[in-house]
C-alpha cells in the first residue's frame, strides 16, 4: 500500500505505507520485484524519493533496505517520528 505526498524541501514523494512478504515466499525475489515496481511508479510520477518506516527491532528489514541503498534518516539526517494521539488532538482542537 502506498500513496503520494509532498515535502516542501524535496517535492513530491511516494510514501510506502505497508510492504510485507510472507515468510514462505521470502528469498524468491518478490520483494525486489515489488520495490522495482514501486520505483518505476515513483519515477513515472515525478517523485523525488520514496519514504517508509521500519520499526527499530526489525533488523532483517533494515538490513534489506540498506543493502538496496535506503538511507536511515533517523541516523543520517536526525529525524524523529512523532504522533499526537486522539486524546491530544481533541485537547488541542478545543484549545484546552
N, C-alpha and C. Protein backbone atom coordinates (compact mmCIF):
# COMPACT_ATOMS: atom_id res chain seq x y z
N UNK A 1 0.85 -1.16 0.00
CA UNK A 1 0.00 0.00 0.00
C UNK A 1 0.91 1.23 0.00
N UNK A 2 0.62 2.16 -0.89
CA UNK A 2 1.42 3.38 -0.98
C UNK A 2 0.51 4.54 -1.36
N UNK A 3 1.03 5.74 -1.16
CA UNK A 3 0.32 6.94 -1.61
C UNK A 3 1.36 8.02 -1.87
N UNK A 4 0.91 9.09 -2.49
CA UNK A 4 1.79 10.21 -2.79
C UNK A 4 1.58 11.31 -1.76
N UNK A 5 2.66 11.97 -1.44
CA UNK A 5 2.61 13.11 -0.53
C UNK A 5 3.61 14.15 -1.01
N UNK A 6 3.72 15.24 -0.30
CA UNK A 6 4.59 16.33 -0.72
C UNK A 6 5.39 16.84 0.47
N UNK A 7 6.66 17.06 0.23
CA UNK A 7 7.55 17.64 1.24
C UNK A 7 8.06 18.96 0.68
N UNK A 8 7.94 20.06 1.43
CA UNK A 8 8.34 21.36 0.88
C UNK A 8 9.82 21.46 0.50
N UNK A 9 10.67 20.62 1.08
CA UNK A 9 12.10 20.68 0.76
C UNK A 9 12.48 19.79 -0.41
N UNK A 10 11.77 18.69 -0.58
CA UNK A 10 12.18 17.74 -1.62
C UNK A 10 11.13 17.51 -2.70
N UNK A 11 9.92 18.01 -2.51
CA UNK A 11 8.88 17.88 -3.52
C UNK A 11 8.03 16.64 -3.34
N UNK A 12 7.46 16.17 -4.44
CA UNK A 12 6.55 15.03 -4.41
C UNK A 12 7.32 13.76 -4.06
N UNK A 13 6.71 12.92 -3.22
CA UNK A 13 7.34 11.66 -2.88
C UNK A 13 6.31 10.56 -2.77
N UNK A 14 6.77 9.34 -2.95
CA UNK A 14 5.93 8.16 -2.77
C UNK A 14 6.15 7.68 -1.35
N UNK A 15 5.06 7.53 -0.61
CA UNK A 15 5.16 7.03 0.76
C UNK A 15 4.67 5.60 0.79
N UNK A 16 5.57 4.70 1.15
CA UNK A 16 5.26 3.27 1.22
C UNK A 16 4.71 2.99 2.61
N UNK A 17 3.42 2.72 2.69
CA UNK A 17 2.76 2.50 3.97
C UNK A 17 2.98 1.09 4.49
N UNK A 18 2.77 0.12 3.65
CA UNK A 18 2.92 -1.28 4.06
C UNK A 18 3.61 -2.08 2.96
N UNK A 19 4.51 -2.94 3.38
CA UNK A 19 5.24 -3.81 2.46
C UNK A 19 5.62 -5.06 3.24
N UNK A 20 5.06 -6.18 2.86
CA UNK A 20 5.31 -7.40 3.61
C UNK A 20 5.25 -8.60 2.67
N UNK A 21 6.27 -9.44 2.75
CA UNK A 21 6.29 -10.70 2.03
C UNK A 21 6.22 -11.81 3.07
N UNK A 22 5.22 -12.67 2.94
CA UNK A 22 5.06 -13.75 3.91
C UNK A 22 6.29 -14.66 3.89
N UNK A 23 6.64 -15.15 5.06
CA UNK A 23 7.88 -15.90 5.25
C UNK A 23 8.11 -17.03 4.24
N UNK A 24 7.10 -17.85 3.92
CA UNK A 24 7.37 -18.94 2.97
C UNK A 24 7.78 -18.46 1.58
N UNK A 25 7.50 -17.19 1.27
CA UNK A 25 7.79 -16.66 -0.06
C UNK A 25 9.02 -15.75 -0.10
N UNK A 26 9.68 -15.59 1.03
CA UNK A 26 10.88 -14.75 1.07
C UNK A 26 12.03 -15.46 0.37
N UNK A 27 12.91 -14.67 -0.20
CA UNK A 27 14.07 -15.22 -0.90
C UNK A 27 13.78 -15.63 -2.33
N UNK A 28 12.58 -15.35 -2.80
CA UNK A 28 12.20 -15.70 -4.18
C UNK A 28 12.24 -14.50 -5.12
N UNK A 29 12.66 -13.35 -4.61
CA UNK A 29 12.74 -12.16 -5.44
C UNK A 29 11.47 -11.34 -5.48
N UNK A 30 10.47 -11.72 -4.70
CA UNK A 30 9.20 -11.00 -4.69
C UNK A 30 9.39 -9.57 -4.16
N UNK A 31 10.11 -9.43 -3.06
CA UNK A 31 10.36 -8.11 -2.50
C UNK A 31 11.10 -7.21 -3.48
N UNK A 32 12.07 -7.76 -4.15
CA UNK A 32 12.83 -6.97 -5.13
C UNK A 32 11.93 -6.52 -6.28
N UNK A 33 11.03 -7.38 -6.71
CA UNK A 33 10.11 -7.02 -7.79
C UNK A 33 9.13 -5.94 -7.33
N UNK A 34 8.66 -6.04 -6.10
CA UNK A 34 7.76 -5.02 -5.57
C UNK A 34 8.48 -3.67 -5.51
N UNK A 35 9.71 -3.67 -4.99
CA UNK A 35 10.47 -2.42 -4.92
C UNK A 35 10.77 -1.88 -6.32
N UNK A 36 11.03 -2.76 -7.25
CA UNK A 36 11.27 -2.33 -8.64
C UNK A 36 10.03 -1.65 -9.20
N UNK A 37 8.87 -2.26 -9.01
CA UNK A 37 7.62 -1.69 -9.50
C UNK A 37 7.32 -0.35 -8.83
N UNK A 38 7.50 -0.28 -7.51
CA UNK A 38 7.27 0.97 -6.80
C UNK A 38 8.24 2.06 -7.27
N UNK A 39 9.48 1.68 -7.53
CA UNK A 39 10.47 2.63 -8.04
C UNK A 39 10.06 3.15 -9.41
N UNK A 40 9.56 2.27 -10.25
CA UNK A 40 9.09 2.68 -11.58
C UNK A 40 7.91 3.65 -11.46
N UNK A 41 6.99 3.35 -10.56
CA UNK A 41 5.84 4.24 -10.33
C UNK A 41 6.32 5.60 -9.85
N UNK A 42 7.25 5.61 -8.90
CA UNK A 42 7.78 6.87 -8.37
C UNK A 42 8.43 7.70 -9.47
N UNK A 43 9.23 7.07 -10.31
CA UNK A 43 9.91 7.78 -11.39
C UNK A 43 8.90 8.31 -12.41
N UNK A 44 7.95 7.47 -12.81
CA UNK A 44 6.94 7.87 -13.81
C UNK A 44 6.05 9.00 -13.33
N UNK A 45 5.88 9.13 -12.02
CA UNK A 45 5.01 10.18 -11.47
C UNK A 45 5.80 11.35 -10.91
N UNK A 46 7.07 11.43 -11.28
CA UNK A 46 7.94 12.56 -10.92
C UNK A 46 8.16 12.72 -9.42
N UNK A 47 8.29 11.62 -8.71
CA UNK A 47 8.63 11.68 -7.29
C UNK A 47 10.14 11.83 -7.13
N UNK A 48 10.54 12.56 -6.13
CA UNK A 48 11.96 12.75 -5.87
C UNK A 48 12.54 11.64 -4.99
N UNK A 49 11.65 10.91 -4.27
CA UNK A 49 12.13 9.84 -3.41
C UNK A 49 10.95 9.00 -2.91
N UNK A 50 11.28 7.97 -2.15
CA UNK A 50 10.28 7.12 -1.50
C UNK A 50 10.61 7.09 -0.02
N UNK A 51 9.61 7.32 0.82
CA UNK A 51 9.78 7.25 2.27
C UNK A 51 9.00 6.07 2.83
N UNK A 52 9.47 5.54 3.94
CA UNK A 52 8.78 4.45 4.64
C UNK A 52 9.36 4.33 6.03
N UNK A 53 8.65 3.64 6.90
CA UNK A 53 9.10 3.42 8.28
C UNK A 53 9.40 1.94 8.49
N UNK A 54 10.38 1.68 9.32
CA UNK A 54 10.70 0.31 9.75
C UNK A 54 10.93 0.38 11.26
N UNK A 55 10.26 -0.51 12.00
CA UNK A 55 10.46 -0.50 13.45
C UNK A 55 11.91 -0.85 13.78
N UNK A 56 12.40 -0.27 14.85
CA UNK A 56 13.82 -0.37 15.20
C UNK A 56 14.28 -1.81 15.45
N UNK A 57 13.37 -2.69 15.91
CA UNK A 57 13.76 -4.06 16.22
C UNK A 57 13.75 -4.97 15.00
N UNK A 58 13.29 -4.49 13.85
CA UNK A 58 13.22 -5.32 12.65
C UNK A 58 14.53 -5.24 11.86
N UNK A 59 15.56 -5.81 12.44
CA UNK A 59 16.90 -5.74 11.85
C UNK A 59 16.97 -6.35 10.44
N UNK A 60 16.33 -7.51 10.18
CA UNK A 60 16.41 -8.05 8.82
C UNK A 60 15.86 -7.10 7.76
N UNK A 61 14.75 -6.43 8.07
CA UNK A 61 14.20 -5.47 7.10
C UNK A 61 15.10 -4.27 6.94
N UNK A 62 15.63 -3.77 8.04
CA UNK A 62 16.54 -2.62 7.97
C UNK A 62 17.73 -2.96 7.09
N UNK A 63 18.33 -4.12 7.31
CA UNK A 63 19.47 -4.55 6.51
C UNK A 63 19.09 -4.73 5.05
N UNK A 64 17.90 -5.27 4.79
CA UNK A 64 17.40 -5.46 3.43
C UNK A 64 17.33 -4.13 2.69
N UNK A 65 16.74 -3.13 3.31
CA UNK A 65 16.60 -1.82 2.67
C UNK A 65 17.94 -1.11 2.51
N UNK A 66 18.78 -1.19 3.53
CA UNK A 66 20.09 -0.54 3.47
C UNK A 66 20.94 -1.15 2.35
N UNK A 67 20.87 -2.47 2.19
CA UNK A 67 21.61 -3.13 1.09
C UNK A 67 21.17 -2.61 -0.27
N UNK A 68 19.95 -2.15 -0.36
CA UNK A 68 19.42 -1.64 -1.62
C UNK A 68 19.60 -0.14 -1.77
N UNK A 69 20.25 0.49 -0.81
CA UNK A 69 20.58 1.91 -0.93
C UNK A 69 19.73 2.85 -0.11
N UNK A 70 18.83 2.34 0.72
CA UNK A 70 18.00 3.22 1.55
C UNK A 70 18.84 3.89 2.63
N UNK A 71 18.52 5.13 2.91
CA UNK A 71 19.18 5.87 3.99
C UNK A 71 18.30 5.85 5.22
N UNK A 72 18.88 5.57 6.36
CA UNK A 72 18.16 5.62 7.63
C UNK A 72 18.16 7.07 8.09
N UNK A 73 17.05 7.78 7.87
CA UNK A 73 17.01 9.21 8.17
C UNK A 73 17.15 9.50 9.65
N UNK A 74 16.83 8.54 10.51
CA UNK A 74 16.98 8.77 11.94
C UNK A 74 18.46 8.91 12.31
N UNK A 75 19.34 8.30 11.55
CA UNK A 75 20.77 8.45 11.82
C UNK A 75 21.42 9.40 10.82
N UNK A 76 21.01 9.34 9.54
CA UNK A 76 21.64 10.18 8.51
C UNK A 76 21.28 11.65 8.65
N UNK A 77 20.01 11.93 8.96
CA UNK A 77 19.54 13.31 8.99
C UNK A 77 18.98 13.73 10.34
N UNK A 78 18.91 12.81 11.29
CA UNK A 78 18.46 13.15 12.63
C UNK A 78 16.97 13.38 12.79
N UNK A 79 16.15 12.74 11.96
CA UNK A 79 14.70 12.89 12.07
C UNK A 79 14.14 12.00 13.16
N UNK A 80 13.09 12.47 13.81
CA UNK A 80 12.36 11.69 14.80
C UNK A 80 10.90 11.63 14.37
N UNK A 81 10.27 10.51 14.56
CA UNK A 81 8.86 10.35 14.26
C UNK A 81 8.04 10.71 15.50
N UNK A 82 7.05 11.58 15.35
CA UNK A 82 6.18 11.96 16.44
C UNK A 82 4.74 11.64 16.08
N UNK A 83 3.90 11.51 17.11
CA UNK A 83 2.48 11.27 16.89
C UNK A 83 1.69 11.97 17.99
N UNK A 84 0.59 12.61 17.59
CA UNK A 84 -0.41 13.09 18.53
C UNK A 84 -1.53 12.07 18.52
N UNK A 85 -1.86 11.50 19.68
CA UNK A 85 -2.96 10.55 19.74
C UNK A 85 -4.29 11.31 19.76
N UNK A 86 -5.39 10.57 19.68
CA UNK A 86 -6.72 11.19 19.58
C UNK A 86 -7.02 12.10 20.77
N UNK A 87 -6.65 11.66 21.96
CA UNK A 87 -6.90 12.47 23.16
C UNK A 87 -6.24 13.84 23.05
N UNK A 88 -4.99 13.87 22.61
CA UNK A 88 -4.29 15.14 22.50
C UNK A 88 -4.80 15.97 21.31
N UNK A 89 -5.22 15.31 20.24
CA UNK A 89 -5.83 16.04 19.14
C UNK A 89 -7.10 16.75 19.61
N UNK A 90 -7.92 16.05 20.38
CA UNK A 90 -9.15 16.66 20.90
C UNK A 90 -8.83 17.81 21.84
N UNK A 91 -7.83 17.63 22.67
CA UNK A 91 -7.43 18.69 23.61
C UNK A 91 -6.96 19.92 22.85
N UNK A 92 -6.14 19.73 21.83
CA UNK A 92 -5.65 20.87 21.05
C UNK A 92 -6.76 21.51 20.23
N UNK A 93 -7.67 20.68 19.69
CA UNK A 93 -8.75 21.17 18.87
C UNK A 93 -9.72 22.05 19.65
N UNK A 94 -9.84 21.78 20.95
CA UNK A 94 -10.76 22.56 21.79
C UNK A 94 -10.03 23.71 22.48
N UNK A 95 -8.73 23.78 22.29
CA UNK A 95 -7.96 24.87 22.89
C UNK A 95 -7.70 24.66 24.38
N UNK A 96 -7.88 23.44 24.85
CA UNK A 96 -7.69 23.16 26.27
C UNK A 96 -6.22 23.06 26.63
